[in-house]
Amino acid sequence: MSNIDLVSLFLIALSASFGHCIGMCGGIVIAYSRIELSNKFYKMASHFIYGFGRITTYMVIGSISAFLGTGIAVSQSTKGGFFIIIGFIMVLFGILFLLNPKVLALFEINIANSQIFKKIFSFVLTKSNLYSFYFIGLLNGLIPCGIVYFFALSASVSGNVINGAIVMLVFGIATLIPMVLFGLFNSFLSSIRYRSIMNKILCILIVLFGIYTIIKGFKILFS
């Protein structure tokens, strides 16, 4: 993957983390932040360990997506066509999200409505060791999320399994610090108006990256 791909994905993930991700996963962060720990160091470490758990799951998803993508793009023509199709999906995704942010709710499952996840989270939240935060992060990464879908699509055209994992690693790193900040200072980052602005920026970046992916597809077709 090129540097422009990674930088673009990082910026998309960063804007997503300050907008959609805080709205989607903020409740989980607030919930585990209430766990009593022995000192401030463990409190700070818990946020990073939770983030590393999410990143682990995301990288597995990225690897699987890339494996499936390389299986579809077996020739130059199918690879170019695959890039174009994925690019159009990205553009459509960005436009629909811009017109109606609630459109993602059609593809996302509210964790509060899942009895299995609810019971598992409740059990883990009763623990007070750092391992529990990593497990919470692993589970969080499995929650259906529109932004994760976008990055999984990006991973599918990344070229190979390693690149697919890297795409999701970039996503995880870009969302790590904002989510840590939210865990520590959630009052400001919870602002609906603030998140609305970040979501609009996110939509524009997704559309631009989709167009960029389409152009790459045509270049592959006619190279």
Protein backbone atom coordinates (compact mmCIF):
# COMPACT_ATOMS: atom_id res chain seq x y z
CA MET A 1 0.00 0.00 0.00
CA SER A 2 1.14 3.55 -0.72
CA ASN A 3 1.75 6.24 1.88
CA ILE A 4 -1.21 8.24 0.55
CA ASP A 5 -3.47 5.24 1.23
CA LEU A 6 -2.30 4.94 4.83
CA VAL A 7 -2.41 8.69 5.52
CA SER A 8 -5.90 8.95 3.99
CA LEU A 9 -7.17 6.01 6.04
CA PHE A 10 -5.62 7.46 9.18
CA LEU A 11 -7.39 10.80 8.67
CA ILE A 12 -10.70 9.04 7.98
CA ALA A 13 -10.31 6.93 11.12
CA LEU A 14 -9.34 9.97 13.19
CA SER A 15 -12.41 11.95 12.12
CA ALA A 16 -14.57 8.84 12.66
CA SER A 17 -13.23 8.37 16.18
CA PHE A 18 -14.17 11.91 17.25
CA GLY A 19 -17.62 11.58 15.69
CA HIS A 20 -19.30 8.24 15.07
CA CYS A 21 -17.08 6.03 17.27
CA ILE A 22 -17.67 8.09 20.42
CA GLY A 23 -21.41 7.93 19.84
CA MET A 24 -21.28 4.19 19.08
CA CYS A 25 -18.87 2.95 21.78
CA GLY A 26 -18.86 5.81 24.26
CA GLY A 27 -21.31 4.03 26.54
CA ILE A 28 -18.96 1.05 26.84
CA VAL A 29 -16.03 3.33 27.67
CA ILE A 30 -18.05 5.11 30.35
CA ALA A 31 -19.18 1.76 31.78
CA TYR A 32 -15.71 0.25 32.17
CA SER A 33 -14.32 3.60 33.39
CA ARG A 34 -16.42 3.11 36.52
CA ILE A 35 -14.50 -0.02 37.51
CA GLU A 36 -12.56 0.67 40.69
CA LEU A 37 -8.80 0.26 40.22
CA SER A 38 -6.02 0.58 42.78
CA ASN A 39 -4.30 3.68 41.36
CA LYS A 40 -4.28 6.26 38.53
CA PHE A 41 -1.65 4.35 36.53
CA TYR A 42 -3.92 1.32 36.25
CA LYS A 43 -6.80 3.65 35.37
CA MET A 44 -4.83 5.12 32.47
CA ALA A 45 -3.49 1.72 31.41
CA SER A 46 -7.00 0.27 31.31
CA HIS A 47 -7.96 2.59 28.42
CA PHE A 48 -4.93 1.57 26.34
CA ILE A 49 -5.40 -2.13 27.10
CA TYR A 50 -9.04 -1.84 26.04
CA GLY A 51 -7.86 -0.16 22.82
CA PHE A 52 -5.32 -2.91 22.14
CA GLY A 53 -8.12 -5.45 22.49
CA ARG A 54 -10.15 -3.64 19.82
CA ILE A 55 -7.10 -3.42 17.55
CA THR A 56 -6.50 -7.17 17.86
CA THR A 57 -10.03 -7.95 16.66
CA TYR A 58 -9.84 -5.33 13.89
CA MET A 59 -6.58 -6.76 12.54
CA VAL A 60 -8.13 -10.22 12.34
CA ILE A 61 -11.12 -8.75 10.47
CA GLY A 62 -8.73 -6.92 8.12
CA SER A 63 -6.77 -10.07 7.36
CA ILE A 64 -9.95 -12.03 6.59
CA SER A 65 -11.27 -9.22 4.36
CA ALA A 66 -8.00 -9.03 2.44
CA PHE A 67 -7.94 -12.82 2.01
CA LEU A 68 -11.44 -12.74 0.53
CA GLY A 69 -10.55 -9.76 -1.66
CA THR A 70 -7.48 -11.43 -3.14
CA GLY A 71 -9.58 -14.52 -3.80
CA ILE A 72 -12.01 -12.44 -5.89
CA ALA A 73 -9.37 -10.36 -7.73
CA VAL A 74 -7.62 -13.29 -9.41
CA SER A 75 -6.80 -11.40 -12.63
CA GLN A 76 -5.94 -7.84 -13.67
CA SER A 77 -9.42 -7.19 -15.07
CA THR A 78 -11.30 -8.60 -12.07
CA LYS A 79 -8.97 -6.72 -9.73
CA GLY A 80 -9.67 -3.43 -11.51
CA GLY A 81 -13.40 -4.13 -11.55
CA PHE A 82 -13.32 -5.06 -7.87
CA PHE A 83 -11.60 -1.76 -7.00
CA ILE A 84 -14.22 0.18 -8.98
CA ILE A 85 -17.14 -1.61 -7.30
CA ILE A 86 -15.66 -1.11 -3.82
CA GLY A 87 -15.00 2.55 -4.64
CA PHE A 88 -18.61 3.12 -5.70
CA ILE A 89 -19.82 1.44 -2.49
CA MET A 90 -17.56 3.78 -0.48
CA VAL A 91 -18.90 6.86 -2.30
CA LEU A 92 -22.50 5.73 -1.80
CA PHE A 93 -21.74 4.96 1.85
CA GLY A 94 -20.31 8.46 2.41
CA ILE A 95 -23.18 10.24 0.64
CA LEU A 96 -25.89 8.32 2.48
CA PHE A 97 -24.19 8.92 5.83
CA LEU A 98 -23.87 12.63 5.00
CA LEU A 99 -27.55 12.94 4.06
CA ASN A 100 -28.75 10.92 7.04
CA PRO A 101 -26.30 9.90 9.81
CA LYS A 102 -28.92 7.48 11.14
CA VAL A 103 -28.53 5.31 8.03
CA LEU A 104 -25.69 3.43 9.74
CA ALA A 105 -28.14 2.26 12.40
CA LEU A 106 -29.67 -0.01 9.76
CA PHE A 107 -26.43 -2.03 9.72
CA GLU A 108 -25.51 -1.75 13.38
CA ILE A 109 -26.79 -3.74 16.32
CA ASN A 110 -27.35 -1.91 19.57
CA ILE A 111 -25.34 -3.79 22.20
CA ALA A 112 -28.10 -3.11 24.73
CA ASN A 113 -30.45 -5.25 22.65
CA SER A 114 -28.13 -8.27 22.59
CA GLN A 115 -28.66 -10.43 25.65
CA ILE A 116 -25.52 -12.51 25.02
CA PHE A 117 -23.20 -9.50 24.77
CA LYS A 118 -25.03 -7.83 27.65
CA LYS A 119 -24.42 -10.81 29.94
CA ILE A 120 -20.76 -11.16 28.90
CA PHE A 121 -20.06 -7.45 29.36
CA SER A 122 -21.82 -7.42 32.70
CA PHE A 123 -19.72 -10.36 33.87
CA VAL A 124 -16.44 -8.83 32.68
CA LEU A 125 -17.31 -5.45 34.17
CA THR A 126 -17.53 -7.08 37.61
CA LYS A 127 -13.82 -7.91 37.40
CA SER A 128 -11.17 -5.43 38.52
CA ASN A 129 -8.04 -6.73 36.76
CA LEU A 130 -6.42 -5.34 33.62
CA TYR A 131 -7.04 -8.53 31.62
CA SER A 132 -10.75 -7.80 31.71
CA PHE A 133 -10.25 -4.55 29.77
CA TYR A 134 -8.45 -6.38 26.96
CA PHE A 135 -11.33 -8.86 26.77
CA ILE A 136 -13.84 -5.98 26.66
CA GLY A 137 -11.86 -4.53 23.75
CA LEU A 138 -11.89 -7.87 21.91
CA LEU A 139 -15.67 -8.04 22.27
CA ASN A 140 -16.12 -4.40 21.31
CA GLY A 141 -14.31 -5.07 18.04
CA LEU A 142 -16.98 -7.63 17.13
CA ILE A 143 -19.88 -5.21 17.47
CA PRO A 144 -21.36 -4.46 14.00
CA CYS A 145 -20.25 -0.95 13.02
CA GLY A 146 -20.60 0.96 9.75
CA ILE A 147 -17.13 2.49 10.01
CA VAL A 148 -15.58 -0.93 10.60
CA TYR A 149 -17.42 -2.11 7.47
CA PHE A 150 -15.82 0.73 5.51
CA PHE A 151 -12.34 -0.20 6.70
CA ALA A 152 -13.00 -3.87 6.02
CA LEU A 153 -13.83 -2.88 2.44
CA SER A 154 -10.60 -0.90 2.30
CA ALA A 155 -8.72 -3.94 3.58
CA SER A 156 -10.32 -6.11 0.89
CA VAL A 157 -8.54 -4.08 -1.83
CA SER A 158 -5.27 -3.73 0.07
CA GLY A 159 -3.52 -6.50 -1.91
CA ASN A 160 -2.69 -9.14 0.68
CA VAL A 161 -3.41 -10.37 4.19
CA ILE A 162 -0.56 -8.36 5.77
CA ASN A 163 -1.77 -5.13 4.19
CA GLY A 164 -5.30 -5.95 5.31
CA ALA A 165 -4.11 -6.24 8.90
CA ILE A 166 -2.16 -2.97 8.51
CA VAL A 167 -5.28 -1.14 7.29
CA MET A 168 -7.14 -2.15 10.43
CA LEU A 169 -4.09 -1.42 12.58
CA VAL A 170 -4.11 2.14 11.24
CA PHE A 171 -7.82 2.34 12.05
CA GLY A 172 -7.21 1.05 15.56
CA ILE A 173 -4.31 3.39 16.28
CA ALA A 174 -6.18 6.43 14.95
CA THR A 175 -9.14 5.66 17.20
CA LEU A 176 -7.05 4.77 20.26
CA ILE A 177 -6.05 8.21 21.55
CA PRO A 178 -9.47 9.89 20.99
CA MET A 179 -11.21 7.05 22.83
CA VAL A 180 -8.69 7.31 25.67
CA LEU A 181 -9.37 11.06 25.86
CA PHE A 182 -13.09 10.34 25.88
CA GLY A 183 -12.61 7.95 28.79
CA LEU A 184 -10.80 10.68 30.73
CA PHE A 185 -12.70 13.80 29.61
CA ASN A 186 -16.03 12.61 28.23
CA SER A 187 -18.02 15.78 28.92
CA PHE A 188 -16.55 17.82 26.04
CA LEU A 189 -16.28 15.00 23.51
CA SER A 190 -19.90 13.99 24.15
CA SER A 191 -21.16 17.22 22.55
CA ILE A 192 -23.73 16.34 19.87
CA ARG A 193 -22.88 19.44 17.82
CA TYR A 194 -19.17 18.67 17.93
CA ARG A 195 -19.70 15.06 16.82
CA SER A 196 -22.04 16.21 14.04
CA ILE A 197 -19.29 18.38 12.55
CA MET A 198 -16.76 15.54 12.73
CA ASN A 199 -19.24 13.17 11.06
CA LYS A 200 -19.64 15.58 8.13
CA ILE A 201 -15.86 15.74 7.72
CA LEU A 202 -15.79 11.94 7.87
CA CYS A 203 -18.37 11.65 5.08
CA ILE A 204 -16.41 13.96 2.78
CA LEU A 205 -13.18 12.01 3.38
CA ILE A 206 -14.94 8.69 2.71
CA VAL A 207 -16.37 9.98 -0.58
CA LEU A 208 -12.94 11.29 -1.66
CA PHE A 209 -11.28 8.00 -0.77
CA GLY A 210 -13.99 6.15 -2.68
CA ILE A 211 -13.31 8.28 -5.78
CA TYR A 212 -9.59 7.65 -5.33
CA THR A 213 -10.26 3.89 -5.19
CA ILE A 214 -12.36 4.07 -8.37
CA ILE A 215 -9.53 5.88 -10.17
CA LYS A 216 -7.10 3.20 -9.02
CA GLY A 217 -9.46 0.57 -10.42
CA PHE A 218 -9.56 2.21 -13.86
CA LYS A 219 -5.77 2.55 -13.84
CA ILE A 220 -5.48 -1.18 -13.15
CA LEU A 221 -7.94 -1.99 -15.96
CA PHE A 222 -6.15 0.11 -18.56
CA SER A 223 -2.55 -0.42 -17.46
